[in-house]
Structure formats: C-alpha cells, structure tokens
C-alpha atoms as a PDB file:
ATOM      1  CA  UNK A   1     121.693 127.663 182.097  1.00  0.00           C
ATOM      2  CA  UNK A   2     123.413 125.426 184.556  1.00  0.00           C
ATOM      3  CA  UNK A   3     122.546 122.135 182.859  1.00  0.00           C
ATOM      4  CA  UNK A   4     122.631 123.343 179.254  1.00  0.00           C
ATOM      5  CA  UNK A   5     118.868 123.806 179.081  1.00  0.00           C
ATOM      6  CA  UNK A   6     117.221 127.028 180.153  1.00  0.00           C
ATOM      7  CA  UNK A   7     114.271 126.766 182.533  1.00  0.00           C
ATOM      8  CA  UNK A   8     111.771 127.642 179.793  1.00  0.00           C
ATOM      9  CA  UNK A   9     113.288 125.144 177.386  1.00  0.00           C
ATOM     10  CA  UNK A  10     113.286 122.366 179.954  1.00  0.00           C
ATOM     11  CA  UNK A  11     109.619 123.114 180.472  1.00  0.00           C
ATOM     12  CA  UNK A  12     108.797 122.804 176.756  1.00  0.00           C
ATOM     13  CA  UNK A  13     110.523 119.464 176.218  1.00  0.00           C
ATOM     14  CA  UNK A  14     109.839 118.150 179.730  1.00  0.00           C
ATOM     15  CA  UNK A  15     106.139 118.989 179.774  1.00  0.00           C
ATOM     16  CA  UNK A  16     105.566 117.495 176.336  1.00  0.00           C
ATOM     17  CA  UNK A  17     107.562 114.395 177.245  1.00  0.00           C
ATOM     18  CA  UNK A  18     105.397 113.937 180.349  1.00  0.00           C
ATOM     19  CA  UNK A  19     102.235 114.363 178.281  1.00  0.00           C
ATOM     20  CA  UNK A  20     103.440 111.760 175.768  1.00  0.00           C
ATOM     21  CA  UNK A  21     104.300 109.310 178.541  1.00  0.00           C
ATOM     22  CA  UNK A  22     100.901 109.833 180.176  1.00  0.00           C
ATOM     23  CA  UNK A  23      99.052 109.447 176.867  1.00  0.00           C
ATOM     24  CA  UNK A  24     100.732 106.164 175.941  1.00  0.00           C
ATOM     25  CA  UNK A  25     101.224 104.836 179.482  1.00  0.00           C
ATOM     26  CA  UNK A  26     104.978 104.255 179.207  1.00  0.00           C
ATOM     27  CA  UNK A  27     108.276 106.102 179.326  1.00  0.00           C
ATOM     28  CA  UNK A  28     109.784 107.619 176.194  1.00  0.00           C
ATOM     29  CA  UNK A  29     112.466 104.940 175.913  1.00  0.00           C
ATOM     30  CA  UNK A  30     109.837 102.190 176.086  1.00  0.00           C
ATOM     31  CA  UNK A  31     107.660 104.008 173.567  1.00  0.00           C
ATOM     32  CA  UNK A  32     110.595 104.452 171.167  1.00  0.00           C
ATOM     33  CA  UNK A  33     111.410 100.744 171.482  1.00  0.00           C
ATOM     34  CA  UNK A  34     107.775  99.783 170.861  1.00  0.00           C
ATOM     35  CA  UNK A  35     107.533 102.043 167.817  1.00  0.00           C
ATOM     36  CA  UNK A  36     110.879 100.774 166.545  1.00  0.00           C
ATOM     37  CA  UNK A  37     109.718  97.165 166.857  1.00  0.00           C
ATOM     38  CA  UNK A  38     106.329  97.728 165.187  1.00  0.00           C
ATOM     39  CA  UNK A  39     106.137 101.160 163.518  1.00  0.00           C
ATOM     40  CA  UNK A  40     102.777 100.467 161.853  1.00  0.00           C
ATOM     41  CA  UNK A  41     101.030  99.112 164.953  1.00  0.00           C
ATOM     42  CA  UNK A  42     100.044 102.567 166.221  1.00  0.00           C
ATOM     43  CA  UNK A  43     100.442 105.389 163.680  1.00  0.00           C
ATOM     44  CA  UNK A  44      99.738 108.022 166.357  1.00  0.00           C
ATOM     45  CA  UNK A  45     102.575 106.752 168.549  1.00  0.00           C
ATOM     46  CA  UNK A  46     104.904 106.568 165.558  1.00  0.00           C
ATOM     47  CA  UNK A  47     104.191 110.197 164.637  1.00  0.00           C
ATOM     48  CA  UNK A  48     104.566 111.404 168.214  1.00  0.00           C
ATOM     49  CA  UNK A  49     107.902 109.605 168.637  1.00  0.00           C
ATOM     50  CA  UNK A  50     109.152 111.040 165.344  1.00  0.00           C
ATOM     51  CA  UNK A  51     108.186 114.597 166.232  1.00  0.00           C
ATOM     52  CA  UNK A  52     109.417 114.286 169.816  1.00  0.00           C
ATOM     53  CA  UNK A  53     112.805 113.264 168.431  1.00  0.00           C
ATOM     54  CA  UNK A  54     112.776 116.293 166.138  1.00  0.00           C
ATOM     55  CA  UNK A  55     111.826 118.476 169.110  1.00  0.00           C
ATOM     56  CA  UNK A  56     114.684 117.141 171.238  1.00  0.00           C
ATOM     57  CA  UNK A  57     117.076 117.657 168.312  1.00  0.00           C
ATOM     58  CA  UNK A  58     115.866 121.258 167.866  1.00  0.00           C
ATOM     59  CA  UNK A  59     116.301 121.876 171.595  1.00  0.00           C
ATOM     60  CA  UNK A  60     119.887 120.642 171.365  1.00  0.00           C
ATOM     61  CA  UNK A  61     120.600 123.019 168.474  1.00  0.00           C
ATOM     62  CA  UNK A  62     119.042 125.855 170.472  1.00  0.00           C
ATOM     63  CA  UNK A  63     121.144 125.021 173.535  1.00  0.00           C
ATOM     64  CA  UNK A  64     124.355 125.152 171.471  1.00  0.00           C
ATOM     65  CA  UNK A  65     123.314 128.429 169.835  1.00  0.00           C
ATOM     66  CA  UNK A  66     122.538 129.975 173.237  1.00  0.00           C
ATOM     67  CA  UNK A  67     125.864 128.789 174.638  1.00  0.00           C
ATOM     68  CA  UNK A  68     127.738 130.262 171.654  1.00  0.00           C
ATOM     69  CA  UNK A  69     125.908 133.576 172.024  1.00  0.00           C
ATOM     70  CA  UNK A  70     126.544 133.720 175.754  1.00  0.00           C
ATOM     71  CA  UNK A  71     130.269 133.049 175.248  1.00  0.00           C
ATOM     72  CA  UNK A  72     130.452 135.763 172.592  1.00  0.00           C
ATOM     73  CA  UNK A  73     128.622 138.275 174.788  1.00  0.00           C
ATOM     74  CA  UNK A  74     130.886 137.557 177.757  1.00  0.00           C
ATOM     75  CA  UNK A  75     133.997 138.255 175.676  1.00  0.00           C
ATOM     76  CA  UNK A  76     132.639 141.459 174.101  1.00  0.00           C
ATOM     77  CA  UNK A  77     133.159 145.013 175.085  1.00  0.00           C
ATOM     78  CA  UNK A  78     129.963 146.970 175.621  1.00  0.00           C
ATOM     79  CA  UNK A  79     129.116 147.124 171.894  1.00  0.00           C
ATOM     80  CA  UNK A  80     127.805 144.038 170.054  1.00  0.00           C
ATOM     81  CA  UNK A  81     129.556 143.283 166.757  1.00  0.00           C
ATOM     82  CA  UNK A  82     128.082 141.759 163.590  1.00  0.00           C
ATOM     83  CA  UNK A  83     129.211 138.165 164.255  1.00  0.00           C
ATOM     84  CA  UNK A  84     127.562 138.304 167.677  1.00  0.00           C
ATOM     85  CA  UNK A  85     124.372 139.657 166.112  1.00  0.00           C
ATOM     86  CA  UNK A  86     124.557 136.699 163.736  1.00  0.00           C
ATOM     87  CA  UNK A  87     124.660 134.399 166.759  1.00  0.00           C
ATOM     88  CA  UNK A  88     121.612 136.185 168.190  1.00  0.00           C
ATOM     89  CA  UNK A  89     119.757 135.594 164.914  1.00  0.00           C
ATOM     90  CA  UNK A  90     120.800 131.928 165.057  1.00  0.00           C
ATOM     91  CA  UNK A  91     119.260 131.692 168.538  1.00  0.00           C
ATOM     92  CA  UNK A  92     116.032 133.275 167.287  1.00  0.00           C
ATOM     93  CA  UNK A  93     115.861 130.840 164.374  1.00  0.00           C
ATOM     94  CA  UNK A  94     116.512 127.890 166.685  1.00  0.00           C
ATOM     95  CA  UNK A  95     113.733 129.039 169.030  1.00  0.00           C
ATOM     96  CA  UNK A  96     111.344 129.266 166.082  1.00  0.00           C
ATOM     97  CA  UNK A  97     112.193 125.748 164.933  1.00  0.00           C
ATOM     98  CA  UNK A  98     111.910 124.330 168.455  1.00  0.00           C
ATOM     99  CA  UNK A  99     108.592 126.069 169.082  1.00  0.00           C
ATOM    100  CA  UNK A 100     107.205 124.917 165.732  1.00  0.00           C
ATOM    101  CA  UNK A 101     108.053 121.322 166.538  1.00  0.00           C
ATOM    102  CA  UNK A 102     106.521 121.707 169.996  1.00  0.00           C
ATOM    103  CA  UNK A 103     103.297 122.916 168.377  1.00  0.00           C
ATOM    104  CA  UNK A 104     103.206 119.816 166.188  1.00  0.00           C
ATOM    105  CA  UNK A 105     103.712 117.534 169.213  1.00  0.00           C
ATOM    106  CA  UNK A 106     100.933 119.335 171.103  1.00  0.00           C
ATOM    107  CA  UNK A 107      98.641 118.986 168.085  1.00  0.00           C
ATOM    108  CA  UNK A 108      99.406 115.275 167.798  1.00  0.00           C
ATOM    109  CA  UNK A 109      98.575 114.785 171.482  1.00  0.00           C
ATOM    110  CA  UNK A 110      95.274 116.702 171.376  1.00  0.00           C
ATOM    111  CA  UNK A 111      92.431 114.458 170.167  1.00  0.00           C
ATOM    112  CA  UNK A 112      90.153 117.502 169.835  1.00  0.00           C
ATOM    113  CA  UNK A 113      92.613 119.604 167.827  1.00  0.00           C
ATOM    114  CA  UNK A 114      91.321 121.278 164.672  1.00  0.00           C
ATOM    115  CA  UNK A 115      91.490 118.913 161.730  1.00  0.00           C
ATOM    116  CA  UNK A 116      91.181 115.741 163.788  1.00  0.00           C
ATOM    117  CA  UNK A 117      87.418 115.311 163.497  1.00  0.00           C
ATOM    118  CA  UNK A 118      85.032 115.234 160.581  1.00  0.00           C
ATOM    119  CA  UNK A 119      86.066 115.560 156.960  1.00  0.00           C
ATOM    120  CA  UNK A 120      89.576 116.794 157.763  1.00  0.00           C
ATOM    121  CA  UNK A 121      90.232 113.758 159.943  1.00  0.00           C
ATOM    122  CA  UNK A 122      88.995 111.439 157.205  1.00  0.00           C
ATOM    123  CA  UNK A 123      91.364 113.045 154.694  1.00  0.00           C
ATOM    124  CA  UNK A 124      94.253 112.769 157.151  1.00  0.00           C
ATOM    125  CA  UNK A 125      93.485 109.082 157.724  1.00  0.00           C
ATOM    126  CA  UNK A 126      93.444 108.458 153.961  1.00  0.00           C
ATOM    127  CA  UNK A 127      96.775 110.210 153.550  1.00  0.00           C
ATOM    128  CA  UNK A 128      98.311 108.151 156.362  1.00  0.00           C
ATOM    129  CA  UNK A 129      97.052 104.888 154.872  1.00  0.00           C
ATOM    130  CA  UNK A 130      98.711 105.385 151.492  1.00  0.00           C
ATOM    131  CA  UNK A 131     101.261 102.722 150.811  1.00  0.00           C
ATOM    132  CA  UNK A 132     103.352 104.600 148.276  1.00  0.00           C
ATOM    133  CA  UNK A 133     104.822 108.053 148.046  1.00  0.00           C
ATOM    134  CA  UNK A 134     102.438 110.937 147.497  1.00  0.00           C
ATOM    135  CA  UNK A 135     104.641 112.399 144.795  1.00  0.00           C
ATOM    136  CA  UNK A 136     106.726 110.916 142.041  1.00  0.00           C
ATOM    137  CA  UNK A 137     110.147 110.045 143.428  1.00  0.00           C
ATOM    138  CA  UNK A 138     112.046 109.417 140.202  1.00  0.00           C
ATOM    139  CA  UNK A 139     112.958 111.999 137.629  1.00  0.00           C
ATOM    140  CA  UNK A 140     110.625 112.030 134.650  1.00  0.00           C
ATOM    141  CA  UNK A 141     112.102 110.795 131.379  1.00  0.00           C
ATOM    142  CA  UNK A 142     113.127 113.573 129.089  1.00  0.00           C
ATOM    143  CA  UNK A 143     112.146 113.262 125.450  1.00  0.00           C
ATOM    144  CA  UNK A 144     115.010 113.116 123.001  1.00  0.00           C
ATOM    145  CA  UNK A 145     115.749 116.522 121.573  1.00  0.00           C
ATOM    146  CA  UNK A 146     114.289 116.898 118.117  1.00  0.00           C
ATOM    147  CA  UNK A 147     116.498 118.389 115.434  1.00  0.00           C
ATOM    148  CA  UNK A 148     115.529 121.872 114.271  1.00  0.00           C
ATOM    149  CA  UNK A 149     113.120 122.039 111.342  1.00  0.00           C
ATOM    150  CA  UNK A 150     114.806 121.728 107.938  1.00  0.00           C
ATOM    151  CA  UNK A 151     113.500 125.127 106.882  1.00  0.00           C
ATOM    152  CA  UNK A 152     115.083 126.967 109.840  1.00  0.00           C
ATOM    153  CA  UNK A 153     117.729 129.590 109.076  1.00  0.00           C
ATOM    154  CA  UNK A 154     121.169 129.512 110.737  1.00  0.00           C
ATOM    155  CA  UNK A 155     120.137 132.263 113.195  1.00  0.00           C
ATOM    156  CA  UNK A 156     117.014 130.402 114.162  1.00  0.00           C
ATOM    157  CA  UNK A 157     118.960 127.179 114.693  1.00  0.00           C
ATOM    158  CA  UNK A 158     121.298 129.004 117.086  1.00  0.00           C
ATOM    159  CA  UNK A 159     118.341 130.245 119.111  1.00  0.00           C
ATOM    160  CA  UNK A 160     116.696 126.827 119.145  1.00  0.00           C
ATOM    161  CA  UNK A 161     119.787 125.031 120.410  1.00  0.00           C
ATOM    162  CA  UNK A 162     120.693 127.466 123.174  1.00  0.00           C
END
C-alpha cells in the first residue's frame, strides 16, 4: 500500500471512474461540475456522480481501516489481541460497504442491467420523477390524551395512565 490504496482497491475505484468518464464523455471533475450546475438535466449522471462520491468516500474509510490494522499488526507480538481483531472486523465491514457501492455504480452504468427495461424500468422512472418525498417527513400529530372513563376504578386509572 505505497500510495494509501491497495492495488485491488485502486482497480475498483479507477476502473469504475474510467467507465463513468467514457460513458459521459468527460472527466469526473467536469461531470461533477455539470451535475452541480444542473442536477435535473440528466438524472442518470446525477445518480452516478452521487454514488461515485459515496464509493470514493467508502474507499477512503477502507484505506484508513487497513492502515490502522497494519500498524496494529506491526506492533503486535505473534498473537493477535481483541482490539486488533476489532480492527480486522472494521476492515471487513469497510470492504463490504465499498463493494456494495461499487455494485450500485456498475448497475447504474449498465443499460441492460436487470430492472432497467420493461415494467421495472417504468416503475423506476416514475419513482425518479416524483417531486415530493416518498414518505411523510413530518411527525404525525398526536391526538390529545382522553381522560379515563368516569366509571374506571383507581387501579384501572393507574394502568391507563402508565
């Protein structure tokens, strides 16, 4: 890891970056600027830029986790302790996140990917075209608490108000 990115990791981010640049005919910086200027002009480009950013962020987290694990392993005697195992788990989790985001980017770039044609594609297009949130974003109003019935005993009132 001479430059902070392992060879395999550089391949994941680098290959996908090259595919994005080829697909949209411009470098990532240009594409980010274009999407930033007009995010609704090309929904596909907007999604790809978003997920590429998440991929790069996940790769950065993975790089730090690998560096921390490597430093811990270099300072250890032959037996690995619990904190170092925790670092190893952190690396595994970071790889999973990075790989998941890479899968999304690959899916976004593949026009023949499952779900992009036919009924599934129509549903996806409808979801993308919604102007408002898909779910309620404010807390629902709570009804005022009703007093216990007049015929309730003291024990029942205690249970009702708990």
